[in-house]
Each structure stands twice: as C-alpha cells, then as structure tokens.
Amino acid sequence: MDKEQELQKFGKKIKDIRELKGLTQAQLAHKINKDRESIARLERGGINPTYLYLMEVCEGLEITMEELMKSNNFEL
C-alpha cells in the first residue's frame, strides 16, 4: 500500500469514529476550532496531519491517541 492509500485509510478511520460519535464534520471542526473543509480533507486522506493536529482531533472525538492509532478495529 502506498502513502496516499495509507492516508485515505487513516482518514476513513477518523470519519468512521466521527460518525459513530454522532458528529458532523462541521460539529467536529467547531469543537477543535478548525473549518469543516479541513476535516473533509483529513477524512479524504488529502492531508498528512501533524501530531498536534491529531491530538486536537482526538480531543474533539473524545478518544485517546492510542485508540486512534490501533491498527485493527477500534473500540469506543
């Protein structure tokens, strides 16, 4: 799997968690002071997020970084 595919896979994981939490992109963006388009790019795999950005996303999703980084199915 190439880097682009890895980012897409990771973005889908974030989207899945967000949807399980019942949040829209706009709601998550508001919680972490980002714009909705930034969340959309992240979920599409269009950006390679920094560690600090991922920390903010985890805070907004109310999960730990460890939960986000699990390679298999995640538990909420």
PDB file of N, CA and C in Angstrom:
ATOM      1  N   MET A   1       0.849  -1.186   0.000  1.00  0.00           N
ATOM      2  CA  MET A   1       0.000   0.000   0.000  1.00  0.00           C
ATOM      3  C   MET A   1       0.890   1.243   0.000  1.00  0.00           C
ATOM      4  N   ASP A   2       0.586   2.169  -0.875  1.00  0.00           N
ATOM      5  CA  ASP A   2       1.411   3.374  -0.933  1.00  0.00           C
ATOM      6  C   ASP A   2       0.952   4.415   0.089  1.00  0.00           C
ATOM      7  N   LYS A   3       1.712   5.481   0.172  1.00  0.00           N
ATOM      8  CA  LYS A   3       1.452   6.510   1.195  1.00  0.00           C
ATOM      9  C   LYS A   3       0.081   7.164   1.027  1.00  0.00           C
ATOM     10  N   GLU A   4      -0.310   7.398  -0.212  1.00  0.00           N
ATOM     11  CA  GLU A   4      -1.611   8.013  -0.471  1.00  0.00           C
ATOM     12  C   GLU A   4      -2.743   7.107   0.026  1.00  0.00           C
ATOM     13  N   GLN A   5      -2.615   5.835  -0.235  1.00  0.00           N
ATOM     14  CA  GLN A   5      -3.630   4.885   0.227  1.00  0.00           C
ATOM     15  C   GLN A   5      -3.662   4.806   1.751  1.00  0.00           C
ATOM     16  N   GLU A   6      -2.498   4.891   2.371  1.00  0.00           N
ATOM     17  CA  GLU A   6      -2.436   4.872   3.837  1.00  0.00           C
ATOM     18  C   GLU A   6      -3.155   6.075   4.430  1.00  0.00           C
ATOM     19  N   LEU A   7      -2.950   7.248   3.823  1.00  0.00           N
ATOM     20  CA  LEU A   7      -3.637   8.447   4.307  1.00  0.00           C
ATOM     21  C   LEU A   7      -5.142   8.322   4.118  1.00  0.00           C
ATOM     22  N   GLN A   8      -5.573   7.731   3.005  1.00  0.00           N
ATOM     23  CA  GLN A   8      -7.004   7.542   2.758  1.00  0.00           C
ATOM     24  C   GLN A   8      -7.605   6.571   3.775  1.00  0.00           C
ATOM     25  N   LYS A   9      -6.879   5.513   4.064  1.00  0.00           N
ATOM     26  CA  LYS A   9      -7.335   4.523   5.045  1.00  0.00           C
ATOM     27  C   LYS A   9      -7.445   5.165   6.437  1.00  0.00           C
ATOM     28  N   PHE A  10      -6.451   5.949   6.789  1.00  0.00           N
ATOM     29  CA  PHE A  10      -6.448   6.627   8.086  1.00  0.00           C
ATOM     30  C   PHE A  10      -7.590   7.642   8.158  1.00  0.00           C
ATOM     31  N   GLY A  11      -7.798   8.383   7.080  1.00  0.00           N
ATOM     32  CA  GLY A  11      -8.892   9.351   7.035  1.00  0.00           C
ATOM     33  C   GLY A  11     -10.247   8.691   7.191  1.00  0.00           C
ATOM     34  N   LYS A  12     -10.410   7.532   6.572  1.00  0.00           N
ATOM     35  CA  LYS A  12     -11.670   6.803   6.692  1.00  0.00           C
ATOM     36  C   LYS A  12     -11.888   6.364   8.133  1.00  0.00           C
ATOM     37  N   LYS A  13     -10.829   5.977   8.792  1.00  0.00           N
ATOM     38  CA  LYS A  13     -10.931   5.573  10.191  1.00  0.00           C
ATOM     39  C   LYS A  13     -11.419   6.739  11.050  1.00  0.00           C
ATOM     40  N   ILE A  14     -10.870   7.921  10.811  1.00  0.00           N
ATOM     41  CA  ILE A  14     -11.304   9.113  11.548  1.00  0.00           C
ATOM     42  C   ILE A  14     -12.778   9.401  11.258  1.00  0.00           C
ATOM     43  N   LYS A  15     -13.147   9.299   9.984  1.00  0.00           N
ATOM     44  CA  LYS A  15     -14.548   9.520   9.608  1.00  0.00           C
ATOM     45  C   LYS A  15     -15.463   8.519  10.302  1.00  0.00           C
ATOM     46  N   ASP A  16     -15.073   7.256  10.317  1.00  0.00           N
ATOM     47  CA  ASP A  16     -15.888   6.226  10.961  1.00  0.00           C
ATOM     48  C   ASP A  16     -16.083   6.519  12.448  1.00  0.00           C
ATOM     49  N   ILE A  17     -15.016   6.922  13.119  1.00  0.00           N
ATOM     50  CA  ILE A  17     -15.118   7.255  14.543  1.00  0.00           C
ATOM     51  C   ILE A  17     -16.040   8.456  14.730  1.00  0.00           C
ATOM     52  N   ARG A  18     -15.841   9.478  13.894  1.00  0.00           N
ATOM     53  CA  ARG A  18     -16.686  10.680  13.997  1.00  0.00           C
ATOM     54  C   ARG A  18     -18.156  10.320  13.837  1.00  0.00           C
ATOM     55  N   GLU A  19     -18.451   9.487  12.854  1.00  0.00           N
ATOM     56  CA  GLU A  19     -19.844   9.104  12.613  1.00  0.00           C
ATOM     57  C   GLU A  19     -20.393   8.264  13.763  1.00  0.00           C
ATOM     58  N   LEU A  20     -19.566   7.368  14.329  1.00  0.00           N
ATOM     59  CA  LEU A  20     -20.007   6.583  15.487  1.00  0.00           C
ATOM     60  C   LEU A  20     -20.318   7.471  16.683  1.00  0.00           C
ATOM     61  N   LYS A  21     -19.597   8.596  16.766  1.00  0.00           N
ATOM     62  CA  LYS A  21     -19.824   9.548  17.850  1.00  0.00           C
ATOM     63  C   LYS A  21     -21.026  10.459  17.572  1.00  0.00           C
ATOM     64  N   GLY A  22     -21.601  10.332  16.370  1.00  0.00           N
ATOM     65  CA  GLY A  22     -22.774  11.127  16.028  1.00  0.00           C
ATOM     66  C   GLY A  22     -22.473  12.576  15.707  1.00  0.00           C
ATOM     67  N   LEU A  23     -21.250  12.840  15.249  1.00  0.00           N
ATOM     68  CA  LEU A  23     -20.845  14.215  14.928  1.00  0.00           C
ATOM     69  C   LEU A  23     -20.796  14.431  13.416  1.00  0.00           C
ATOM     70  N   THR A  24     -21.170  15.619  12.996  1.00  0.00           N
ATOM     71  CA  THR A  24     -20.948  16.012  11.604  1.00  0.00           C
ATOM     72  C   THR A  24     -19.529  16.563  11.487  1.00  0.00           C
ATOM     73  N   GLN A  25     -19.069  16.726  10.259  1.00  0.00           N
ATOM     74  CA  GLN A  25     -17.761  17.358  10.059  1.00  0.00           C
ATOM     75  C   GLN A  25     -17.767  18.754  10.652  1.00  0.00           C
ATOM     76  N   ALA A  26     -18.849  19.478  10.464  1.00  0.00           N
ATOM     77  CA  ALA A  26     -18.940  20.849  10.975  1.00  0.00           C
ATOM     78  C   ALA A  26     -18.885  20.873  12.500  1.00  0.00           C
ATOM     79  N   GLN A  27     -19.543  19.928  13.144  1.00  0.00           N
ATOM     80  CA  GLN A  27     -19.531  19.887  14.610  1.00  0.00           C
ATOM     81  C   GLN A  27     -18.135  19.578  15.140  1.00  0.00           C
ATOM     82  N   LEU A  28     -17.464  18.601  14.525  1.00  0.00           N
ATOM     83  CA  LEU A  28     -16.104  18.287  14.950  1.00  0.00           C
ATOM     84  C   LEU A  28     -15.191  19.485  14.724  1.00  0.00           C
ATOM     85  N   ALA A  29     -15.309  20.089  13.567  1.00  0.00           N
ATOM     86  CA  ALA A  29     -14.484  21.254  13.251  1.00  0.00           C
ATOM     87  C   ALA A  29     -14.687  22.361  14.292  1.00  0.00           C
ATOM     88  N   HIS A  30     -15.922  22.616  14.647  1.00  0.00           N
ATOM     89  CA  HIS A  30     -16.228  23.657  15.633  1.00  0.00           C
ATOM     90  C   HIS A  30     -15.594  23.336  16.989  1.00  0.00           C
ATOM     91  N   LYS A  31     -15.656  22.057  17.377  1.00  0.00           N
ATOM     92  CA  LYS A  31     -15.107  21.655  18.680  1.00  0.00           C
ATOM     93  C   LYS A  31     -13.604  21.894  18.775  1.00  0.00           C
ATOM     94  N   ILE A  32     -12.900  21.820  17.632  1.00  0.00           N
ATOM     95  CA  ILE A  32     -11.443  21.944  17.674  1.00  0.00           C
ATOM     96  C   ILE A  32     -10.937  23.205  16.954  1.00  0.00           C
ATOM     97  N   ASN A  33     -11.855  24.138  16.697  1.00  0.00           N
ATOM     98  CA  ASN A  33     -11.507  25.421  16.077  1.00  0.00           C
ATOM     99  C   ASN A  33     -10.813  25.271  14.718  1.00  0.00           C
ATOM    100  N   LYS A  34     -11.358  24.376  13.908  1.00  0.00           N
ATOM    101  CA  LYS A  34     -10.914  24.209  12.514  1.00  0.00           C
ATOM    102  C   LYS A  34     -12.105  24.489  11.625  1.00  0.00           C
ATOM    103  N   ASP A  35     -11.870  24.558  10.315  1.00  0.00           N
ATOM    104  CA  ASP A  35     -13.007  24.691   9.416  1.00  0.00           C
ATOM    105  C   ASP A  35     -13.420  23.309   8.907  1.00  0.00           C
ATOM    106  N   ARG A  36     -14.658  23.209   8.480  1.00  0.00           N
ATOM    107  CA  ARG A  36     -15.196  21.933   8.024  1.00  0.00           C
ATOM    108  C   ARG A  36     -14.384  21.362   6.869  1.00  0.00           C
ATOM    109  N   GLU A  37     -13.897  22.222   5.998  1.00  0.00           N
ATOM    110  CA  GLU A  37     -13.118  21.775   4.849  1.00  0.00           C
ATOM    111  C   GLU A  37     -11.829  21.077   5.283  1.00  0.00           C
ATOM    112  N   SER A  38     -11.257  21.531   6.380  1.00  0.00           N
ATOM    113  CA  SER A  38     -10.049  20.897   6.907  1.00  0.00           C
ATOM    114  C   SER A  38     -10.343  19.462   7.356  1.00  0.00           C
ATOM    115  N   ILE A  39     -11.475  19.275   8.010  1.00  0.00           N
ATOM    116  CA  ILE A  39     -11.882  17.932   8.441  1.00  0.00           C
ATOM    117  C   ILE A  39     -12.171  17.072   7.212  1.00  0.00           C
ATOM    118  N   ALA A  40     -12.821  17.645   6.218  1.00  0.00           N
ATOM    119  CA  ALA A  40     -13.126  16.896   4.996  1.00  0.00           C
ATOM    120  C   ALA A  40     -11.842  16.430   4.314  1.00  0.00           C
ATOM    121  N   ARG A  41     -10.839  17.309   4.228  1.00  0.00           N
ATOM    122  CA  ARG A  41      -9.559  16.930   3.613  1.00  0.00           C
ATOM    123  C   ARG A  41      -8.887  15.815   4.408  1.00  0.00           C
ATOM    124  N   LEU A  42      -8.924  15.919   5.723  1.00  0.00           N
ATOM    125  CA  LEU A  42      -8.339  14.894   6.579  1.00  0.00           C
ATOM    126  C   LEU A  42      -9.010  13.547   6.326  1.00  0.00           C
ATOM    127  N   GLU A  43     -10.328  13.544   6.291  1.00  0.00           N
ATOM    128  CA  GLU A  43     -11.067  12.292   6.114  1.00  0.00           C
ATOM    129  C   GLU A  43     -10.897  11.696   4.718  1.00  0.00           C
ATOM    130  N   ARG A  44     -10.653  12.513   3.732  1.00  0.00           N
ATOM    131  CA  ARG A  44     -10.395  12.021   2.369  1.00  0.00           C
ATOM    132  C   ARG A  44      -8.971  11.512   2.201  1.00  0.00           C
ATOM    133  N   GLY A  45      -8.110  11.815   3.166  1.00  0.00           N
ATOM    134  CA  GLY A  45      -6.712  11.455   3.026  1.00  0.00           C
ATOM    135  C   GLY A  45      -5.944  12.476   2.213  1.00  0.00           C
ATOM    136  N   GLY A  46      -6.488  13.683   2.135  1.00  0.00           N
ATOM    137  CA  GLY A  46      -5.888  14.735   1.333  1.00  0.00           C
ATOM    138  C   GLY A  46      -4.780  15.506   2.026  1.00  0.00           C
ATOM    139  N   ILE A  47      -4.590  15.257   3.310  1.00  0.00           N
ATOM    140  CA  ILE A  47      -3.510  15.911   4.045  1.00  0.00           C
ATOM    141  C   ILE A  47      -2.802  14.886   4.915  1.00  0.00           C
ATOM    142  N   ASN A  48      -1.565  15.162   5.224  1.00  0.00           N
ATOM    143  CA  ASN A  48      -0.795  14.358   6.170  1.00  0.00           C
ATOM    144  C   ASN A  48      -0.758  15.168   7.468  1.00  0.00           C
ATOM    145  N   PRO A  49      -1.641  14.836   8.417  1.00  0.00           N
ATOM    146  CA  PRO A  49      -1.784  15.679   9.608  1.00  0.00           C
ATOM    147  C   PRO A  49      -0.576  15.603  10.532  1.00  0.00           C
ATOM    148  N   THR A  50      -0.333  16.710  11.207  1.00  0.00           N
ATOM    149  CA  THR A  50       0.731  16.738  12.211  1.00  0.00           C
ATOM    150  C   THR A  50       0.250  16.031  13.476  1.00  0.00           C
ATOM    151  N   TYR A  51       1.184  15.724  14.319  1.00  0.00           N
ATOM    152  CA  TYR A  51       0.861  15.109  15.614  1.00  0.00           C
ATOM    153  C   TYR A  51      -0.071  16.017  16.414  1.00  0.00           C
ATOM    154  N   LEU A  52       0.213  17.313  16.421  1.00  0.00           N
ATOM    155  CA  LEU A  52      -0.611  18.243  17.196  1.00  0.00           C
ATOM    156  C   LEU A  52      -2.031  18.322  16.645  1.00  0.00           C
ATOM    157  N   TYR A  53      -2.157  18.268  15.317  1.00  0.00           N
ATOM    158  CA  TYR A  53      -3.492  18.278  14.703  1.00  0.00           C
ATOM    159  C   TYR A  53      -4.248  17.019  15.118  1.00  0.00           C
ATOM    160  N   LEU A  54      -3.577  15.873  15.113  1.00  0.00           N
ATOM    161  CA  LEU A  54      -4.229  14.631  15.516  1.00  0.00           C
ATOM    162  C   LEU A  54      -4.625  14.667  16.995  1.00  0.00           C
ATOM    163  N   MET A  55      -3.813  15.295  17.813  1.00  0.00           N
ATOM    164  CA  MET A  55      -4.177  15.449  19.228  1.00  0.00           C
ATOM    165  C   MET A  55      -5.479  16.240  19.360  1.00  0.00           C
ATOM    166  N   GLU A  56      -5.614  17.292  18.564  1.00  0.00           N
ATOM    167  CA  GLU A  56      -6.834  18.103  18.596  1.00  0.00           C
ATOM    168  C   GLU A  56      -8.039  17.287  18.122  1.00  0.00           C
ATOM    169  N   VAL A  57      -7.851  16.511  17.064  1.00  0.00           N
ATOM    170  CA  VAL A  57      -8.936  15.677  16.555  1.00  0.00           C
ATOM    171  C   VAL A  57      -9.363  14.675  17.619  1.00  0.00           C
ATOM    172  N   CYS A  58      -8.400  14.049  18.272  1.00  0.00           N
ATOM    173  CA  CYS A  58      -8.720  13.097  19.341  1.00  0.00           C
ATOM    174  C   CYS A  58      -9.495  13.775  20.459  1.00  0.00           C
ATOM    175  N   GLU A  59      -9.086  14.971  20.812  1.00  0.00           N
ATOM    176  CA  GLU A  59      -9.798  15.712  21.849  1.00  0.00           C
ATOM    177  C   GLU A  59     -11.235  15.967  21.422  1.00  0.00           C
ATOM    178  N   GLY A  60     -11.415  16.371  20.181  1.00  0.00           N
ATOM    179  CA  GLY A  60     -12.761  16.634  19.663  1.00  0.00           C
ATOM    180  C   GLY A  60     -13.618  15.380  19.595  1.00  0.00           C
ATOM    181  N   LEU A  61     -12.988  14.249  19.310  1.00  0.00           N
ATOM    182  CA  LEU A  61     -13.706  12.980  19.241  1.00  0.00           C
ATOM    183  C   LEU A  61     -13.838  12.306  20.609  1.00  0.00           C
ATOM    184  N   GLU A  62     -13.163  12.889  21.599  1.00  0.00           N
ATOM    185  CA  GLU A  62     -13.165  12.359  22.961  1.00  0.00           C
ATOM    186  C   GLU A  62     -12.639  10.922  22.999  1.00  0.00           C
ATOM    187  N   ILE A  63     -11.496  10.726  22.325  1.00  0.00           N
ATOM    188  CA  ILE A  63     -10.787   9.458  22.344  1.00  0.00           C
ATOM    189  C   ILE A  63      -9.316   9.746  22.615  1.00  0.00           C
ATOM    190  N   THR A  64      -8.565   8.700  22.930  1.00  0.00           N
ATOM    191  CA  THR A  64      -7.131   8.862  23.129  1.00  0.00           C
ATOM    192  C   THR A  64      -6.406   8.661  21.810  1.00  0.00           C
ATOM    193  N   MET A  65      -5.180   9.132  21.749  1.00  0.00           N
ATOM    194  CA  MET A  65      -4.353   8.912  20.568  1.00  0.00           C
ATOM    195  C   MET A  65      -4.152   7.401  20.363  1.00  0.00           C
ATOM    196  N   GLU A  66      -4.015   6.687  21.461  1.00  0.00           N
ATOM    197  CA  GLU A  66      -3.840   5.230  21.373  1.00  0.00           C
ATOM    198  C   GLU A  66      -5.028   4.578  20.671  1.00  0.00           C
ATOM    199  N   GLU A  67      -6.237   5.012  20.996  1.00  0.00           N
ATOM    200  CA  GLU A  67      -7.432   4.464  20.349  1.00  0.00           C
ATOM    201  C   GLU A  67      -7.417   4.760  18.857  1.00  0.00           C
ATOM    202  N   LEU A  68      -6.999   5.953  18.500  1.00  0.00           N
ATOM    203  CA  LEU A  68      -6.945   6.328  17.095  1.00  0.00           C
ATOM    204  C   LEU A  68      -5.919   5.506  16.323  1.00  0.00           C
ATOM    205  N   MET A  69      -4.821   5.201  16.966  1.00  0.00           N
ATOM    206  CA  MET A  69      -3.724   4.546  16.281  1.00  0.00           C
ATOM    207  C   MET A  69      -3.833   3.020  16.219  1.00  0.00           C
ATOM    208  N   LYS A  70      -4.801   2.446  16.873  1.00  0.00           N
ATOM    209  CA  LYS A  70      -4.967   0.998  16.798  1.00  0.00           C
ATOM    210  C   LYS A  70      -5.119   0.603  15.336  1.00  0.00           C
ATOM    211  N   SER A  71      -4.378  -0.405  14.925  1.00  0.00           N
ATOM    212  CA  SER A  71      -4.375  -0.783  13.517  1.00  0.00           C
ATOM    213  C   SER A  71      -5.573  -1.627  13.117  1.00  0.00           C
ATOM    214  N   ASN A  72      -6.195  -2.307  14.079  1.00  0.00           N
ATOM    215  CA  ASN A  72      -7.364  -3.100  13.742  1.00  0.00           C
ATOM    216  C   ASN A  72      -8.625  -2.360  14.171  1.00  0.00           C
ATOM    217  N   ASN A  73      -9.703  -3.071  14.366  1.00  0.00           N
ATOM    218  CA  ASN A  73     -10.950  -2.422  14.776  1.00  0.00           C
ATOM    219  C   ASN A  73     -10.762  -1.672  16.082  1.00  0.00           C
ATOM    220  N   PHE A  74     -11.365  -0.515  16.163  1.00  0.00           N
ATOM    221  CA  PHE A  74     -11.245   0.310  17.351  1.00  0.00           C
ATOM    222  C   PHE A  74     -12.492   0.159  18.199  1.00  0.00           C
ATOM    223  N   GLU A  75     -12.342   0.360  19.477  1.00  0.00           N
ATOM    224  CA  GLU A  75     -13.455   0.269  20.400  1.00  0.00           C
ATOM    225  C   GLU A  75     -13.725   1.648  20.978  1.00  0.00           C
ATOM    226  N   LEU A  76     -14.978   1.995  21.061  1.00  0.00           N
ATOM    227  CA  LEU A  76     -15.361   3.288  21.616  1.00  0.00           C
ATOM    228  C   LEU A  76     -16.048   3.099  22.933  1.00  0.00           C
TER     229      LEU A  76
END
